[in-house]
Every structure is written in structure tokens, then in C-alpha cells.
Amino acid sequence: MRLYYMTPADIGLIILRERRMKLSLYDELNDPFELLSHALGDKLMRKAHKALKEHFTKTKGVICFSDNWKSPVMWAHYGQKHYGFCLGFDVPTGHPDQEYVYAMNYEPERLRFEFEKEKWTEAVGRSFIRQILSTKAKAWEYEHEWRAMADLKEKDPNGFYYVDFSEHMQLREVVLGARNTLSVGKVAKLVEESGPLSASVQVLRARVAHQTFSIVRNREVTPIMIKASRE
């Protein structure tokens, strides 16, 4: 599945050079309702949510993708107002027990869940946890968000956590924003010189569409394809 990650240009250059992605921590994300998907009128519900929120905040990080790179709003919010990059990755999808990424669900209201008072620990099962991890308010629906979650293992000397590019996250596209001033050739050279590639990568430029409120490929700028090392 092809998913997209938008980033400011300076950070995008670092990602391409180092071939790794920074994990975002739950308490640093821009939605204050992260991990708070349910209505919390019940004390047991608040207790369960608090314990799970503390657990995931301390042990897990996420990478936030979208399945749509043509949204001008997404470029404005996450792609440095169209001066940045959009990185396209191929990520595996398969059996739910082995999935690497999962789609976010958008709800108009906080979810409801009824505990049996004497069995509340049993109620906090797989589907309840999945709801907590993958539910956001409907106002965020424009993002078409998918997430990859990873353990917070070894902290980098700079204080952040990272995951390397891998077979679970293969770089396949680099889209320069409509206002980005770097040349396709310069970015392609950086990708090529940063090390062997397990899959081919195409570098292209975006532009504002002529007839719709959309961002599209700029066909006046020839894309550059960097072949994988084994090709």
C-alpha cells in the first residue's frame, strides 16, 4: 500500500539523507484527544483510559501517514505551506494480527462503552484498545490518516526515537511541493548518494491544478527515477 508523509523541506532532507523516520510521541501530537476516544463519565472508564494512556505514552511512538498527497490543506498544515516534501512509502498490509499500519476512524461523538463493574479488567481487551488507538474526531477526517506504531527502544543522542527505512517502510516517491525551490535533480542526487536502495524511487514536482482545488503532478518538470541497487 502506498502511503504519504508530509514534512518541511529541511526535515525532509534529513530523512532522505539518514533514511530513518522520527517517531512522534502521543503527548506531542497536535490533537489533545489522543487516546481519549471514549466518553469518560464512568470512574472505571477514566481509570482504564488513564492506565492505557500512560502505557502507550511511555512505550510507543507513531508515524502518521495519509493515503492522499493531493490535498492542499494537508500540504498547508504538514508540508510547510507547500514549500516542503511529501514522501511516498510502500508499507505491507495483511492479516489484522500482523498489520504494520492501521487506518484511523473518525467519529462525530465520543464512543460509549459499558463496563460490568466486577469484570472491568476483562473488558479492556483487544477491540477496546484498538478503538483507543485508532479513533479521532470527525473534524480530522480530511487527513485520511494511517499510522504505524513502534516500540520506544533506544533513544538517539539527540533525544528522539527513530525507525529506519525497511521492507516495512520502503521509500518509493519524493514529491516536491508546489512552492519548493529545490530542483528535482538535486533531491534525486541526494537520494542516490545516501546509500543502496531496495526499491526504485521517483522524484517529481507538484503544482496547483488548473481546474480543481487539488495538488497534482507537474508534468512540465521531468521526474527522475533512481533505480534500486539490485535492478
Protein backbone atom coordinates (compact mmCIF):
# COMPACT_ATOMS: atom_id res chain seq x y z
CA MET A 1 0.00 0.00 0.00
CA ARG A 2 1.31 3.47 -0.87
CA LEU A 3 1.12 5.97 1.99
CA TYR A 4 2.41 9.53 2.20
CA TYR A 5 4.30 11.53 4.80
CA MET A 6 4.42 15.32 4.51
CA THR A 7 7.26 17.26 6.06
CA PRO A 8 9.04 20.62 5.94
CA ALA A 9 11.90 20.71 3.44
CA ASP A 10 14.76 20.85 5.95
CA ILE A 11 13.44 17.84 7.86
CA GLY A 12 12.72 16.02 4.60
CA LEU A 13 16.34 16.40 3.51
CA ILE A 14 17.50 14.90 6.81
CA ILE A 15 15.08 11.98 6.44
CA LEU A 16 16.34 11.27 2.92
CA ARG A 17 19.97 11.56 3.96
CA GLU A 18 19.70 9.42 7.10
CA ARG A 19 16.99 7.06 5.79
CA ARG A 20 15.08 6.94 9.02
CA MET A 21 11.87 8.41 10.41
CA LYS A 22 11.35 10.11 13.73
CA LEU A 23 8.69 8.59 15.95
CA SER A 24 6.11 11.02 17.33
CA LEU A 25 5.13 10.59 20.97
CA TYR A 26 1.45 10.55 21.86
CA ASP A 27 1.71 13.51 24.23
CA GLU A 28 3.37 15.58 21.48
CA LEU A 29 0.69 15.09 18.81
CA ASN A 30 -1.49 18.04 17.86
CA ASP A 31 -4.81 16.52 18.95
CA PRO A 32 -5.46 16.88 22.72
CA PHE A 33 -7.93 13.98 22.47
CA GLU A 34 -5.28 11.41 21.52
CA LEU A 35 -6.06 8.15 23.35
CA LEU A 36 -9.25 9.72 24.71
CA SER A 37 -11.75 8.25 22.29
CA HIS A 38 -14.46 7.34 24.82
CA ALA A 39 -16.79 9.41 26.92
CA LEU A 40 -15.34 9.32 30.42
CA GLY A 41 -18.33 9.78 32.69
CA ASP A 42 -17.70 6.48 34.49
CA LYS A 43 -14.88 6.31 37.06
CA LEU A 44 -13.82 2.86 35.89
CA MET A 45 -13.67 4.13 32.32
CA ARG A 46 -11.45 7.02 33.41
CA LYS A 47 -9.24 4.57 35.31
CA ALA A 48 -8.87 2.31 32.27
CA HIS A 49 -8.17 5.20 29.92
CA LYS A 50 -5.62 6.74 32.27
CA ALA A 51 -3.70 3.45 32.61
CA LEU A 52 -3.68 2.81 28.86
CA LYS A 53 -2.76 6.39 28.02
CA GLU A 54 0.20 6.28 30.41
CA HIS A 55 1.30 2.93 28.99
CA PHE A 56 1.24 3.96 25.34
CA THR A 57 2.75 7.37 26.02
CA LYS A 58 5.75 5.76 27.73
CA THR A 59 6.28 2.74 25.48
CA LYS A 60 5.06 3.52 21.93
CA GLY A 61 5.63 6.07 19.21
CA VAL A 62 3.86 6.59 15.90
CA ILE A 63 4.46 7.74 12.35
CA CYS A 64 1.45 9.48 10.84
CA PHE A 65 0.78 8.94 7.13
CA SER A 66 -2.03 9.79 4.72
CA ASP A 67 -3.33 7.88 1.73
CA ASN A 68 -3.77 11.18 -0.17
CA TRP A 69 -0.96 13.52 -1.22
CA LYS A 70 -3.13 15.82 -3.35
CA SER A 71 -4.88 17.70 -0.54
CA PRO A 72 -3.88 21.40 -0.46
CA VAL A 73 -4.91 21.54 3.20
CA MET A 74 -2.56 18.71 4.14
CA TRP A 75 0.27 20.41 2.29
CA ALA A 76 -0.52 23.65 4.12
CA HIS A 77 -0.62 22.03 7.56
CA TYR A 78 2.21 19.49 7.31
CA GLY A 79 4.20 20.29 4.16
CA GLN A 80 5.49 23.72 5.21
CA LYS A 81 2.76 25.59 3.32
CA HIS A 82 3.69 23.77 0.09
CA TYR A 83 7.43 24.54 0.46
CA GLY A 84 8.13 21.07 1.85
CA PHE A 85 8.20 17.46 0.65
CA CYS A 86 5.79 14.58 0.51
CA LEU A 87 7.45 11.17 0.85
CA GLY A 88 5.63 8.16 -0.54
CA PHE A 89 6.25 4.79 1.14
CA ASP A 90 5.15 1.27 0.32
CA VAL A 91 4.04 -0.45 3.51
CA PRO A 92 2.68 -4.01 3.85
CA THR A 93 -0.92 -4.77 4.64
CA GLY A 94 -2.19 -8.21 5.53
CA HIS A 95 -3.81 -10.15 8.31
CA PRO A 96 -5.05 -7.87 11.14
CA ASP A 97 -2.85 -9.73 13.63
CA GLN A 98 0.23 -8.85 11.62
CA GLU A 99 -0.61 -5.42 10.24
CA TYR A 100 2.12 -2.82 10.24
CA VAL A 101 -0.16 0.17 9.69
CA TYR A 102 -3.77 0.83 10.58
CA ALA A 103 -6.34 3.36 9.40
CA MET A 104 -7.78 5.95 11.74
CA ASN A 105 -11.54 6.02 12.27
CA TYR A 106 -13.39 9.31 12.59
CA GLU A 107 -16.41 9.66 14.83
CA PRO A 108 -18.85 12.56 15.33
CA GLU A 109 -19.17 11.81 19.05
CA ARG A 110 -17.06 10.24 21.81
CA LEU A 111 -17.50 6.47 21.92
CA ARG A 112 -19.58 4.74 24.56
CA PHE A 113 -18.58 1.59 26.40
CA GLU A 114 -20.35 -0.10 29.29
CA PHE A 115 -18.29 -1.97 31.86
CA GLU A 116 -19.52 -4.79 34.01
CA LYS A 117 -18.31 -3.41 37.32
CA GLU A 118 -16.89 -6.69 38.60
CA LYS A 119 -15.23 -7.57 35.28
CA TRP A 120 -13.85 -4.25 34.07
CA THR A 121 -10.29 -5.54 33.61
CA GLU A 122 -11.56 -8.26 31.26
CA ALA A 123 -13.42 -5.66 29.25
CA VAL A 124 -10.21 -3.84 28.40
CA GLY A 125 -9.45 -6.20 25.53
CA ARG A 126 -8.12 -6.04 22.00
CA SER A 127 -11.07 -4.27 20.40
CA PHE A 128 -11.28 -1.67 23.17
CA ILE A 129 -7.57 -0.88 22.86
CA ARG A 130 -7.87 -0.67 19.08
CA GLN A 131 -10.67 1.85 19.45
CA ILE A 132 -8.50 3.97 21.73
CA LEU A 133 -5.56 3.86 19.32
CA SER A 134 -7.48 4.47 16.11
CA THR A 135 -10.36 6.84 16.90
CA LYS A 136 -10.34 10.59 16.32
CA ALA A 137 -12.98 13.28 16.00
CA LYS A 138 -14.70 13.61 12.62
CA ALA A 139 -13.15 17.07 12.20
CA TRP A 140 -9.84 15.32 11.42
CA GLU A 141 -11.32 13.20 8.63
CA TYR A 142 -9.73 15.30 5.88
CA GLU A 143 -6.35 13.83 6.84
CA HIS A 144 -7.18 10.28 5.65
CA GLU A 145 -4.69 9.20 8.29
CA TRP A 146 -2.93 5.87 8.66
CA ARG A 147 -0.46 5.13 11.44
CA ALA A 148 2.50 2.91 12.05
CA MET A 149 3.28 2.23 15.70
CA ALA A 150 6.66 1.16 17.05
CA ASP A 151 8.28 0.49 20.41
CA LEU A 152 10.31 3.24 22.03
CA LYS A 153 13.57 1.32 22.28
CA GLU A 154 16.89 3.14 22.06
CA LYS A 155 16.80 6.92 22.30
CA ASP A 156 19.05 8.76 19.86
CA PRO A 157 21.73 11.08 21.34
CA ASN A 158 19.61 13.98 20.08
CA GLY A 159 16.82 12.88 22.43
CA PHE A 160 14.42 11.44 19.84
CA TYR A 161 13.36 7.93 18.77
CA TYR A 162 13.67 6.69 15.18
CA VAL A 163 12.89 3.75 12.92
CA ASP A 164 14.97 3.00 9.84
CA PHE A 165 13.62 2.53 6.35
CA SER A 166 12.99 -1.20 5.85
CA GLU A 167 10.89 -3.74 3.96
CA HIS A 168 8.02 -2.49 6.13
CA MET A 169 8.61 1.09 5.00
CA GLN A 170 10.15 1.37 1.54
CA LEU A 171 10.65 4.84 0.11
CA ARG A 172 9.17 4.98 -3.41
CA GLU A 173 8.36 8.64 -4.13
CA VAL A 174 9.61 12.10 -3.25
CA VAL A 175 7.18 14.86 -4.24
CA LEU A 176 8.49 18.43 -4.09
CA GLY A 177 5.83 20.90 -3.00
CA ALA A 178 4.39 23.44 -5.43
CA ARG A 179 6.42 26.24 -3.77
CA ASN A 180 9.57 24.20 -3.16
CA THR A 181 12.57 25.87 -4.80
CA LEU A 182 14.93 22.87 -4.85
CA SER A 183 15.49 21.16 -8.17
CA VAL A 184 14.28 17.63 -8.81
CA GLY A 185 17.83 16.75 -9.86
CA LYS A 186 19.38 17.95 -6.61
CA VAL A 187 16.95 15.95 -4.48
CA ALA A 188 17.36 12.87 -6.69
CA LYS A 189 21.14 13.10 -6.30
CA LEU A 190 20.79 13.21 -2.51
CA VAL A 191 18.57 10.11 -2.55
CA GLU A 192 21.01 8.26 -4.80
CA GLU A 193 24.10 9.19 -2.83
CA SER A 194 22.64 8.32 0.58
CA GLY A 195 23.16 4.59 0.08
CA PRO A 196 21.79 1.49 -1.69
CA LEU A 197 18.06 1.33 -2.37
CA SER A 198 15.92 -1.79 -2.02
CA ALA A 199 13.31 -0.36 -4.41
CA SER A 200 13.27 2.30 -7.12
CA VAL A 201 12.41 5.87 -6.08
CA GLN A 202 10.80 8.54 -8.24
CA VAL A 203 11.41 12.22 -7.56
CA LEU A 204 8.83 14.63 -9.01
CA ARG A 205 7.37 18.08 -8.54
CA ALA A 206 3.81 19.07 -7.64
CA ARG A 207 1.80 22.05 -8.81
CA VAL A 208 -1.60 23.64 -8.24
CA ALA A 209 -4.27 22.11 -10.50
CA HIS A 210 -5.72 24.28 -13.26
CA GLN A 211 -9.38 23.33 -12.85
CA THR A 212 -9.85 21.86 -9.38
CA PHE A 213 -8.88 22.64 -5.78
CA SER A 214 -6.22 19.96 -5.83
CA ILE A 215 -2.48 19.46 -5.96
CA VAL A 216 -1.27 17.42 -8.93
CA ARG A 217 1.94 16.28 -10.57
CA ASN A 218 3.72 18.98 -12.57
CA ARG A 219 4.15 17.31 -15.94
CA GLU A 220 6.27 20.16 -17.25
CA VAL A 221 9.07 19.01 -14.93
CA THR A 222 10.55 15.65 -15.92
CA PRO A 223 10.60 13.24 -12.95
CA ILE A 224 13.79 11.37 -12.15
CA MET A 225 13.75 7.65 -11.35
CA ILE A 226 16.52 6.30 -9.13
CA LYS A 227 16.79 2.56 -9.65
CA ALA A 228 17.13 0.09 -6.83
CA SER A 229 20.59 -1.34 -6.25
CA ARG A 230 19.56 -4.81 -7.43
CA GLU A 231 17.94 -3.58 -10.66
